[in-house]
Protein backbone atom coordinates (compact mmCIF):
# COMPACT_ATOMS: atom_id res chain seq x y z
CA UNK A 1 0.28 0.15 -0.48
CA UNK A 2 2.37 1.94 0.73
CA UNK A 3 4.40 1.88 -2.54
CA UNK A 4 1.50 2.98 -4.31
CA UNK A 5 1.03 6.42 -2.50
CA UNK A 6 -1.61 4.95 0.40
CA UNK A 7 -1.41 6.47 4.43
CA UNK A 8 -4.67 4.35 5.78
CA UNK A 9 -6.38 1.62 4.83
CA UNK A 10 -9.01 1.30 7.58
CA UNK A 11 -11.90 -1.23 7.90
CA UNK A 12 -14.91 1.27 9.45
CA UNK A 13 -18.69 -0.22 9.15
CA UNK A 14 -19.35 -1.80 6.01
CA UNK A 15 -16.61 -0.11 3.76
CA UNK A 16 -12.80 -0.37 3.86
CA UNK A 17 -10.88 2.91 3.76
CA UNK A 18 -8.05 3.95 1.52
CA UNK A 19 -6.33 7.12 1.20
CA UNK A 20 -5.06 9.44 -0.69
CA UNK A 21 -6.02 8.18 -3.68
CA UNK A 22 -6.24 9.95 -7.01
CA UNK A 23 -7.88 7.42 -9.28
CA UNK A 24 -7.67 8.30 -12.98
CA UNK A 25 -10.90 8.25 -15.36
CA UNK A 26 -9.86 4.63 -16.12
CA UNK A 27 -9.43 3.39 -12.59
CA UNK A 28 -12.99 4.56 -11.19
CA UNK A 29 -13.64 2.69 -13.71
CA UNK A 30 -12.26 -0.29 -13.49
CA UNK A 31 -12.81 0.13 -9.18
CA UNK A 32 -16.61 0.10 -9.68
CA UNK A 33 -16.47 -2.95 -11.69
CA UNK A 34 -14.63 -4.71 -9.95
CA UNK A 35 -15.67 -3.69 -6.69
CA UNK A 36 -19.58 -2.86 -6.87
CA UNK A 37 -20.63 -0.34 -3.83
CA UNK A 38 -17.40 1.03 -4.05
CA UNK A 39 -17.28 5.34 -3.55
CA UNK A 40 -15.07 7.33 -4.76
CA UNK A 41 -14.44 10.90 -2.88
CA UNK A 42 -11.87 13.22 -4.80
CA UNK A 43 -12.67 15.78 -2.01
CA UNK A 44 -10.73 13.75 0.30
CA UNK A 45 -8.85 11.59 -1.49
CA UNK A 46 -10.47 8.50 -0.18
CA UNK A 47 -12.22 5.69 -1.67
CA UNK A 48 -14.79 3.05 0.15
CA UNK A 49 -15.28 -0.02 -0.41
CA UNK A 50 -17.69 -2.49 1.06
CA UNK A 51 -16.32 -4.71 3.66
CA UNK A 52 -15.79 -8.08 1.56
CA UNK A 53 -17.71 -10.88 3.29
CA UNK A 54 -16.46 -14.63 2.94
CA UNK A 55 -20.06 -15.26 1.00
CA UNK A 56 -22.77 -12.49 -0.72
CA UNK A 57 -25.50 -14.13 1.08
CA UNK A 58 -25.04 -15.30 4.89
CA UNK A 59 -21.23 -14.28 4.17
CA UNK A 60 -19.18 -13.84 7.60
CA UNK A 61 -16.65 -10.45 7.29
CA UNK A 62 -13.69 -11.75 6.29
CA UNK A 63 -10.94 -11.05 8.81
CA UNK A 64 -7.17 -11.72 9.95
CA UNK A 65 -4.83 -12.23 6.58
CA UNK A 66 -7.96 -12.92 4.81
CA UNK A 67 -8.69 -9.06 4.66
CA UNK A 68 -5.28 -8.50 4.00
CA UNK A 69 -4.96 -10.48 0.84
CA UNK A 70 -8.12 -8.56 -0.62
CA UNK A 71 -6.22 -5.14 0.24
CA UNK A 72 -2.97 -6.33 -1.41
CA UNK A 73 -5.67 -7.57 -4.38
CA UNK A 74 -7.37 -4.71 -4.44
CA UNK A 75 -4.29 -1.92 -4.19
CA UNK A 76 -3.15 -3.86 -7.50
CA UNK A 77 -6.01 -4.06 -9.38
CA UNK A 78 -6.73 -1.33 -8.84
CA UNK A 79 -4.34 1.37 -7.79
CA UNK A 80 -1.03 0.20 -9.65
CA UNK A 81 0.75 1.17 -12.53
CA UNK A 82 -0.40 -1.20 -15.35
CA UNK A 83 -2.85 -2.79 -13.59
CA UNK A 84 -6.05 -4.65 -14.93
CA UNK A 85 -6.12 -8.24 -13.72
CA UNK A 86 -9.26 -9.28 -12.20
CA UNK A 87 -8.28 -9.84 -7.63
CA UNK A 88 -7.54 -12.68 -5.89
CA UNK A 89 -10.68 -13.91 -4.25
CA UNK A 90 -9.56 -15.23 -0.75
CA UNK A 91 -9.99 -18.91 -0.35
CA UNK A 92 -13.90 -18.59 2.41
């Protein structure tokens, strides 16, 4: 995350916040395609991504190493230069 310039990755409520983030249009499109329900907040230079769950219906929030792997996949898929690979979903 630090190599991408991020200083904050925090879970709060139903979202994971990544900041500071300045997304290009292509990155915004990729974010909303790969992570539906994400919010881009350009005024505060952050994105809010719905907290990942083990299953879409009835799942539990990811924890510990699984959420770290999910965050890494998001950073690689959306923020990394030349990004474009679909994210790796941690095992349930």
